[in-house]
C-alpha atoms as a PDB file:
ATOM      1  CA  MET A   1    -134.196 -51.451  63.058  1.00  0.00           C
ATOM      2  CA  VAL A   2    -135.771 -50.080  65.780  1.00  0.00           C
ATOM      3  CA  THR A   3    -136.836 -46.523  66.557  1.00  0.00           C
ATOM      4  CA  ASP A   4    -138.663 -45.176  69.596  1.00  0.00           C
ATOM      5  CA  GLY A   5    -139.802 -48.785  70.278  1.00  0.00           C
ATOM      6  CA  LEU A   6    -141.163 -49.168  66.744  1.00  0.00           C
ATOM      7  CA  ALA A   7    -139.802 -51.558  64.084  1.00  0.00           C
ATOM      8  CA  GLU A   8    -139.186 -49.698  60.541  1.00  0.00           C
ATOM      9  CA  SER A   9    -140.211 -52.362  57.905  1.00  0.00           C
ATOM     10  CA  PRO A  10    -138.710 -52.219  54.577  1.00  0.00           C
ATOM     11  CA  PRO A  11    -141.081 -50.186  51.758  1.00  0.00           C
ATOM     12  CA  HIS A  12    -143.070 -52.709  49.957  1.00  0.00           C
ATOM     13  CA  PRO A  13    -141.709 -53.940  46.118  1.00  0.00           C
ATOM     14  CA  ALA A  14    -144.428 -52.919  44.299  1.00  0.00           C
ATOM     15  CA  LEU A  15    -144.048 -49.397  45.852  1.00  0.00           C
ATOM     16  CA  ARG A  16    -140.346 -49.373  45.610  1.00  0.00           C
ATOM     17  CA  ALA A  17    -141.100 -49.989  41.758  1.00  0.00           C
ATOM     18  CA  ASP A  18    -143.392 -47.138  41.516  1.00  0.00           C
ATOM     19  CA  LEU A  19    -141.162 -44.686  43.390  1.00  0.00           C
ATOM     20  CA  SER A  20    -138.430 -45.359  40.596  1.00  0.00           C
ATOM     21  CA  PRO A  21    -136.915 -42.920  38.312  1.00  0.00           C
ATOM     22  CA  GLN A  22    -137.941 -44.525  35.114  1.00  0.00           C
ATOM     23  CA  ALA A  23    -141.511 -45.447  36.135  1.00  0.00           C
ATOM     24  CA  GLY A  24    -141.747 -41.578  36.830  1.00  0.00           C
ATOM     25  CA  ARG A  25    -140.350 -40.772  33.677  1.00  0.00           C
ATOM     26  CA  GLY A  26    -142.580 -43.479  31.783  1.00  0.00           C
ATOM     27  CA  ASP A  27    -145.600 -42.078  33.469  1.00  0.00           C
ATOM     28  CA  ALA A  28    -144.790 -38.366  32.485  1.00  0.00           C
ATOM     29  CA  ALA A  29    -144.412 -39.532  28.500  1.00  0.00           C
ATOM     30  CA  GLN A  30    -147.638 -41.398  29.067  1.00  0.00           C
ATOM     31  CA  THR A  31    -149.178 -38.302  30.493  1.00  0.00           C
ATOM     32  CA  PHE A  32    -148.056 -35.903  27.811  1.00  0.00           C
ATOM     33  CA  ALA A  33    -148.627 -38.296  25.117  1.00  0.00           C
ATOM     34  CA  ASN A  34    -152.243 -38.492  26.250  1.00  0.00           C
ATOM     35  CA  GLN A  35    -152.579 -34.711  26.416  1.00  0.00           C
ATOM     36  CA  PRO A  36    -154.543 -32.940  23.449  1.00  0.00           C
ATOM     37  CA  MET A  37    -152.625 -31.028  20.252  1.00  0.00           C
ATOM     38  CA  SER A  38    -152.884 -27.323  21.300  1.00  0.00           C
ATOM     39  CA  GLN A  39    -154.582 -24.823  18.913  1.00  0.00           C
ATOM     40  CA  THR A  40    -151.460 -24.080  17.085  1.00  0.00           C
ATOM     41  CA  ASP A  41    -150.738 -27.502  15.841  1.00  0.00           C
ATOM     42  CA  LEU A  42    -153.975 -27.841  14.160  1.00  0.00           C
ATOM     43  CA  GLU A  43    -154.272 -27.673  10.730  1.00  0.00           C
ATOM     44  CA  ILE A  44    -156.279 -24.664   9.462  1.00  0.00           C
ATOM     45  CA  VAL A  45    -158.557 -25.342   6.195  1.00  0.00           C
ATOM     46  CA  VAL A  46    -160.085 -22.539   4.428  1.00  0.00           C
ATOM     47  CA  ASP A  47    -162.839 -23.179   1.578  1.00  0.00           C
ATOM     48  CA  ASP A  48    -162.609 -21.541  -1.294  1.00  0.00           C
ATOM     49  CA  PRO A  49    -166.261 -20.656  -2.359  1.00  0.00           C
ATOM     50  CA  THR A  50    -164.789 -20.307  -5.879  1.00  0.00           C
ATOM     51  CA  ALA A  51    -163.110 -23.912  -6.318  1.00  0.00           C
ATOM     52  CA  PRO A  52    -164.115 -25.778  -9.185  1.00  0.00           C
ATOM     53  CA  GLU A  53    -166.726 -28.752  -8.353  1.00  0.00           C
ATOM     54  CA  ASP A  54    -165.302 -32.189  -7.803  1.00  0.00           C
ATOM     55  CA  ASP A  55    -167.847 -33.246  -9.804  1.00  0.00           C
ATOM     56  CA  SER A  56    -167.791 -31.290 -12.888  1.00  0.00           C
ATOM     57  CA  PRO A  57    -167.544 -33.286 -15.838  1.00  0.00           C
ATOM     58  CA  SER A  58    -164.310 -34.064 -17.809  1.00  0.00           C
ATOM     59  CA  VAL A  59    -163.295 -32.120 -20.879  1.00  0.00           C
ATOM     60  CA  VAL A  60    -160.474 -34.137 -22.002  1.00  0.00           C
ATOM     61  CA  ALA A  61    -158.270 -36.862 -21.037  1.00  0.00           C
ATOM     62  CA  SER A  62    -154.426 -36.625 -20.105  1.00  0.00           C
ATOM     63  CA  GLY A  63    -153.798 -39.135 -22.788  1.00  0.00           C
ATOM     64  CA  THR A  64    -155.349 -37.123 -25.549  1.00  0.00           C
ATOM     65  CA  ILE A  65    -153.193 -33.873 -24.651  1.00  0.00           C
ATOM     66  CA  GLU A  66    -149.779 -35.997 -24.582  1.00  0.00           C
ATOM     67  CA  ILE A  67    -150.736 -37.195 -27.821  1.00  0.00           C
ATOM     68  CA  ILE A  68    -151.523 -33.843 -29.377  1.00  0.00           C
ATOM     69  CA  VAL A  69    -148.589 -32.246 -27.701  1.00  0.00           C
ATOM     70  CA  CYS A  70    -146.058 -34.770 -29.209  1.00  0.00           C
ATOM     71  CA  LEU A  71    -147.302 -34.553 -32.521  1.00  0.00           C
ATOM     72  CA  LEU A  72    -146.978 -30.732 -32.460  1.00  0.00           C
ATOM     73  CA  LEU A  73    -143.401 -31.413 -31.143  1.00  0.00           C
ATOM     74  CA  LEU A  74    -142.923 -33.783 -33.812  1.00  0.00           C
ATOM     75  CA  ALA A  75    -144.173 -31.613 -36.611  1.00  0.00           C
ATOM     76  CA  LEU A  76    -141.983 -28.826 -35.226  1.00  0.00           C
ATOM     77  CA  ALA A  77    -138.997 -31.058 -35.262  1.00  0.00           C
ATOM     78  CA  VAL A  78    -139.417 -32.057 -38.859  1.00  0.00           C
ATOM     79  CA  THR A  79    -140.086 -28.360 -40.076  1.00  0.00           C
ATOM     80  CA  LEU A  80    -137.018 -27.069 -38.461  1.00  0.00           C
ATOM     81  CA  GLY A  81    -134.604 -30.240 -39.417  1.00  0.00           C
ATOM     82  CA  TYR A  82    -136.085 -29.761 -42.920  1.00  0.00           C
ATOM     83  CA  ASP A  83    -135.133 -26.292 -42.943  1.00  0.00           C
ATOM     84  CA  ASN A  84    -131.745 -26.532 -41.113  1.00  0.00           C
ATOM     85  CA  TRP A  85    -131.076 -29.352 -44.055  1.00  0.00           C
ATOM     86  CA  ARG A  86    -131.627 -27.333 -46.640  1.00  0.00           C
ATOM     87  CA  THR A  87    -129.453 -24.643 -45.039  1.00  0.00           C
ATOM     88  CA  GLY A  88    -126.714 -26.845 -44.843  1.00  0.00           C
ATOM     89  CA  ALA A  89    -126.033 -29.612 -42.136  1.00  0.00           C
ATOM     90  CA  SER A  90    -122.744 -30.909 -43.174  1.00  0.00           C
ATOM     91  CA  TRP A  91    -118.972 -30.171 -42.771  1.00  0.00           C
ATOM     92  CA  ASP A  92    -117.656 -27.902 -45.260  1.00  0.00           C
ATOM     93  CA  ALA A  93    -113.631 -26.551 -45.470  1.00  0.00           C
ATOM     94  CA  THR A  94    -114.353 -24.188 -42.677  1.00  0.00           C
ATOM     95  CA  GLY A  95    -116.437 -26.300 -40.527  1.00  0.00           C
ATOM     96  CA  PRO A  96    -119.999 -26.934 -39.569  1.00  0.00           C
ATOM     97  CA  GLU A  97    -122.451 -25.342 -41.982  1.00  0.00           C
ATOM     98  CA  PRO A  98    -124.985 -22.834 -40.373  1.00  0.00           C
ATOM     99  CA  GLY A  99    -127.773 -25.507 -39.954  1.00  0.00           C
ATOM    100  CA  TYR A 100    -125.171 -28.513 -38.390  1.00  0.00           C
ATOM    101  CA  PHE A 101    -126.297 -28.397 -34.832  1.00  0.00           C
ATOM    102  CA  PRO A 102    -129.864 -27.055 -35.286  1.00  0.00           C
ATOM    103  CA  PHE A 103    -130.307 -29.951 -37.703  1.00  0.00           C
ATOM    104  CA  TYR A 104    -129.348 -32.524 -34.788  1.00  0.00           C
ATOM    105  CA  LEU A 105    -131.153 -30.820 -32.159  1.00  0.00           C
ATOM    106  CA  SER A 106    -133.974 -31.218 -34.281  1.00  0.00           C
ATOM    107  CA  VAL A 107    -133.582 -35.014 -34.468  1.00  0.00           C
ATOM    108  CA  ILE A 108    -133.177 -35.145 -31.049  1.00  0.00           C
ATOM    109  CA  LEU A 109    -136.358 -33.518 -30.421  1.00  0.00           C
ATOM    110  CA  GLY A 110    -138.303 -35.831 -33.255  1.00  0.00           C
ATOM    111  CA  GLY A 111    -136.608 -38.675 -31.366  1.00  0.00           C
ATOM    112  CA  GLY A 112    -138.315 -37.470 -27.925  1.00  0.00           C
ATOM    113  CA  SER A 113    -141.498 -36.856 -29.802  1.00  0.00           C
ATOM    114  CA  LEU A 114    -141.977 -40.308 -31.160  1.00  0.00           C
ATOM    115  CA  TYR A 115    -140.832 -41.967 -27.973  1.00  0.00           C
ATOM    116  CA  GLY A 116    -143.430 -39.729 -25.954  1.00  0.00           C
ATOM    117  CA  LEU A 117    -146.018 -40.480 -28.831  1.00  0.00           C
ATOM    118  CA  ILE A 118    -145.488 -44.200 -28.392  1.00  0.00           C
ATOM    119  CA  ALA A 119    -145.798 -44.283 -24.518  1.00  0.00           C
ATOM    120  CA  ALA A 120    -148.801 -42.134 -24.717  1.00  0.00           C
ATOM    121  CA  LEU A 121    -150.561 -44.526 -27.284  1.00  0.00           C
ATOM    122  CA  VAL A 122    -149.340 -47.517 -24.958  1.00  0.00           C
ATOM    123  CA  ALA A 123    -150.471 -45.735 -21.946  1.00  0.00           C
ATOM    124  CA  ARG A 124    -154.100 -44.948 -23.546  1.00  0.00           C
ATOM    125  CA  ARG A 125    -154.961 -48.621 -22.923  1.00  0.00           C
ATOM    126  CA  ALA A 126    -155.245 -48.066 -19.421  1.00  0.00           C
ATOM    127  CA  ALA A 127    -157.747 -46.127 -17.168  1.00  0.00           C
ATOM    128  CA  ALA A 128    -157.777 -42.681 -18.989  1.00  0.00           C
ATOM    129  CA  GLU A 129    -156.972 -39.505 -16.285  1.00  0.00           C
ATOM    130  CA  THR A 130    -158.713 -36.438 -16.358  1.00  0.00           C
ATOM    131  CA  PHE A 131    -156.375 -33.512 -17.927  1.00  0.00           C
ATOM    132  CA  VAL A 132    -158.928 -30.863 -16.968  1.00  0.00           C
ATOM    133  CA  THR A 133    -162.660 -30.345 -16.181  1.00  0.00           C
ATOM    134  CA  ARG A 134    -165.334 -28.290 -17.437  1.00  0.00           C
ATOM    135  CA  ALA A 135    -165.248 -25.965 -13.947  1.00  0.00           C
ATOM    136  CA  GLN A 136    -161.210 -25.981 -14.315  1.00  0.00           C
ATOM    137  CA  ALA A 137    -161.508 -24.804 -17.852  1.00  0.00           C
ATOM    138  CA  ARG A 138    -163.645 -21.860 -16.868  1.00  0.00           C
ATOM    139  CA  ARG A 139    -161.310 -20.725 -14.488  1.00  0.00           C
ATOM    140  CA  VAL A 140    -158.540 -20.938 -17.108  1.00  0.00           C
ATOM    141  CA  MET A 141    -160.304 -19.403 -19.871  1.00  0.00           C
ATOM    142  CA  ALA A 142    -161.461 -16.573 -17.540  1.00  0.00           C
ATOM    143  CA  VAL A 143    -157.726 -15.594 -17.235  1.00  0.00           C
ATOM    144  CA  PHE A 144    -156.448 -16.660 -20.832  1.00  0.00           C
ATOM    145  CA  VAL A 145    -159.402 -14.652 -22.719  1.00  0.00           C
ATOM    146  CA  PRO A 146    -158.863 -11.167 -21.015  1.00  0.00           C
ATOM    147  CA  THR A 147    -155.162 -11.613 -21.502  1.00  0.00           C
ATOM    148  CA  LEU A 148    -155.512 -12.511 -25.303  1.00  0.00           C
ATOM    149  CA  LEU A 149    -157.785  -9.369 -25.697  1.00  0.00           C
ATOM    150  CA  PHE A 150    -155.347  -7.453 -23.698  1.00  0.00           C
ATOM    151  CA  CYS A 151    -152.426  -8.372 -26.353  1.00  0.00           C
ATOM    152  CA  LEU A 152    -155.170  -7.352 -28.998  1.00  0.00           C
ATOM    153  CA  VAL A 153    -156.177  -4.217 -27.666  1.00  0.00           C
ATOM    154  CA  MET A 154    -152.710  -3.155 -26.803  1.00  0.00           C
ATOM    155  CA  GLN A 155    -152.061  -2.870 -30.641  1.00  0.00           C
ATOM    156  CA  TYR A 156    -154.506  -0.311 -31.191  1.00  0.00           C
ATOM    157  CA  LEU A 157    -155.133   1.700 -27.862  1.00  0.00           C
ATOM    158  CA  GLY A 158    -151.538   1.476 -26.405  1.00  0.00           C
ATOM    159  CA  LEU A 159    -150.449  -0.288 -23.076  1.00  0.00           C
ATOM    160  CA  TYR A 160    -151.604   2.024 -20.913  1.00  0.00           C
ATOM    161  CA  VAL A 161    -155.213   2.062 -21.772  1.00  0.00           C
ATOM    162  CA  ALA A 162    -155.160  -1.655 -22.124  1.00  0.00           C
ATOM    163  CA  SER A 163    -153.310  -2.238 -18.876  1.00  0.00           C
ATOM    164  CA  PHE A 164    -156.089   0.054 -17.538  1.00  0.00           C
ATOM    165  CA  LEU A 165    -159.319  -1.606 -19.038  1.00  0.00           C
ATOM    166  CA  LEU A 166    -157.480  -5.208 -17.887  1.00  0.00           C
ATOM    167  CA  ILE A 167    -157.175  -4.347 -14.223  1.00  0.00           C
ATOM    168  CA  SER A 168    -160.209  -2.944 -13.941  1.00  0.00           C
ATOM    169  CA  GLY A 169    -162.207  -5.451 -15.899  1.00  0.00           C
ATOM    170  CA  PHE A 170    -160.395  -8.354 -13.961  1.00  0.00           C
ATOM    171  CA  MET A 171    -161.289  -6.669 -10.463  1.00  0.00           C
ATOM    172  CA  ARG A 172    -164.815  -6.136 -11.078  1.00  0.00           C
ATOM    173  CA  LEU A 173    -165.916  -9.314 -13.437  1.00  0.00           C
ATOM    174  CA  VAL A 174    -163.516 -11.677 -11.741  1.00  0.00           C
ATOM    175  CA  GLY A 175    -162.774 -10.999  -8.331  1.00  0.00           C
ATOM    176  CA  LYS A 176    -166.415  -8.992  -7.998  1.00  0.00           C
ATOM    177  CA  ILE A 177    -164.698  -5.819  -6.485  1.00  0.00           C
ATOM    178  CA  ALA A 178    -166.259  -2.789  -5.959  1.00  0.00           C
ATOM    179  CA  LEU A 179    -166.709  -0.768  -9.255  1.00  0.00           C
ATOM    180  CA  TRP A 180    -164.777   2.577  -7.985  1.00  0.00           C
ATOM    181  CA  LYS A 181    -161.974   0.591  -6.113  1.00  0.00           C
ATOM    182  CA  SER A 182    -161.634  -1.393  -9.201  1.00  0.00           C
ATOM    183  CA  LEU A 183    -161.304   1.622 -11.288  1.00  0.00           C
ATOM    184  CA  LEU A 184    -159.160   3.382  -8.884  1.00  0.00           C
ATOM    185  CA  THR A 185    -156.731   0.983  -8.564  1.00  0.00           C
ATOM    186  CA  ALA A 186    -156.325   0.460 -12.319  1.00  0.00           C
ATOM    187  CA  PHE A 187    -155.876   4.465 -12.579  1.00  0.00           C
ATOM    188  CA  VAL A 188    -153.055   4.451  -9.936  1.00  0.00           C
ATOM    189  CA  PHE A 189    -151.414   1.371 -11.586  1.00  0.00           C
ATOM    190  CA  THR A 190    -151.198   2.376 -15.074  1.00  0.00           C
ATOM    191  CA  ALA A 191    -150.537   6.081 -13.855  1.00  0.00           C
ATOM    192  CA  ILE A 192    -147.413   4.221 -12.055  1.00  0.00           C
ATOM    193  CA  MET A 193    -146.388   2.401 -15.375  1.00  0.00           C
ATOM    194  CA  PHE A 194    -146.809   5.749 -17.107  1.00  0.00           C
ATOM    195  CA  VAL A 195    -144.282   7.726 -14.865  1.00  0.00           C
ATOM    196  CA  THR A 196    -142.034   4.652 -14.803  1.00  0.00           C
ATOM    197  CA  PHE A 197    -141.779   3.862 -18.124  1.00  0.00           C
ATOM    198  CA  ASP A 198    -142.281   7.089 -20.199  1.00  0.00           C
ATOM    199  CA  ILE A 199    -141.137  10.076 -17.585  1.00  0.00           C
ATOM    200  CA  ALA A 200    -138.492   8.551 -15.438  1.00  0.00           C
ATOM    201  CA  PHE A 201    -136.687   6.114 -17.735  1.00  0.00           C
ATOM    202  CA  ASP A 202    -137.982   7.262 -21.188  1.00  0.00           C
ATOM    203  CA  VAL A 203    -138.727   3.813 -22.503  1.00  0.00           C
ATOM    204  CA  ILE A 204    -140.667   3.838 -25.642  1.00  0.00           C
ATOM    205  CA  MET A 205    -144.013   1.387 -25.074  1.00  0.00           C
ATOM    206  CA  PRO A 206    -146.932   0.702 -27.551  1.00  0.00           C
ATOM    207  CA  LYS A 207    -148.819   4.040 -27.094  1.00  0.00           C
ATOM    208  CA  GLY A 208    -152.273   4.803 -28.809  1.00  0.00           C
ATOM    209  CA  PRO A 209    -154.729   7.797 -29.693  1.00  0.00           C
ATOM    210  CA  LEU A 210    -155.120   8.679 -26.153  1.00  0.00           C
ATOM    211  CA  GLU A 211    -151.451   9.530 -25.574  1.00  0.00           C
ATOM    212  CA  ALA A 212    -151.165  11.013 -29.063  1.00  0.00           C
ATOM    213  CA  ALA A 213    -153.873  13.496 -28.012  1.00  0.00           C
ATOM    214  CA  PHE A 214    -151.633  14.554 -25.488  1.00  0.00           C
ATOM    215  CA  GLY A 215    -148.734  14.797 -27.354  1.00  0.00           C
ATOM    216  CA  ARG A 216    -146.592  11.864 -26.311  1.00  0.00           C
END
């Protein structure tokens, strides 16, 4: 084709391939793939300064705990089974005796305990896995011991005083929060508990000498 005395030549095959829609889409996809992820796609990791150490020595292995639990469950099954057998674990003229269903539940529990015990003994030959480390045990005991003391103190000082001591002690000793914040938070929480249970709903809760001094 001739226009104004100049011949118009067809485009080069390579240039025609580059201008095709498929090539455009491929280049756009490659460009998108090479773009770095935005900040919202990045995972944010926050270090816990109080986290247990990775190299903390092991206190007990998982296999040992499994064996102990299976033995305890087996002892419970034997105790319940024997007690329900004495009560009556058969059928009489009126139907099943009181210990019939609990007895066979005890048998099932005992069978499962035996299976778990054998499996734990067989698996113990393999490499022992750590159940809890010393650092992890300290963190667990930091919660368990105050909670146990709370239950004991509640028997003598009542629920509200024991709750005040538990909350303030936790915040101060474990959370390292300022003393005045710990005391204020514990007081407000205990006051809300007292108003809710003792005044609003008139629920009888364990009380100690402090409540008795105020005639409650």
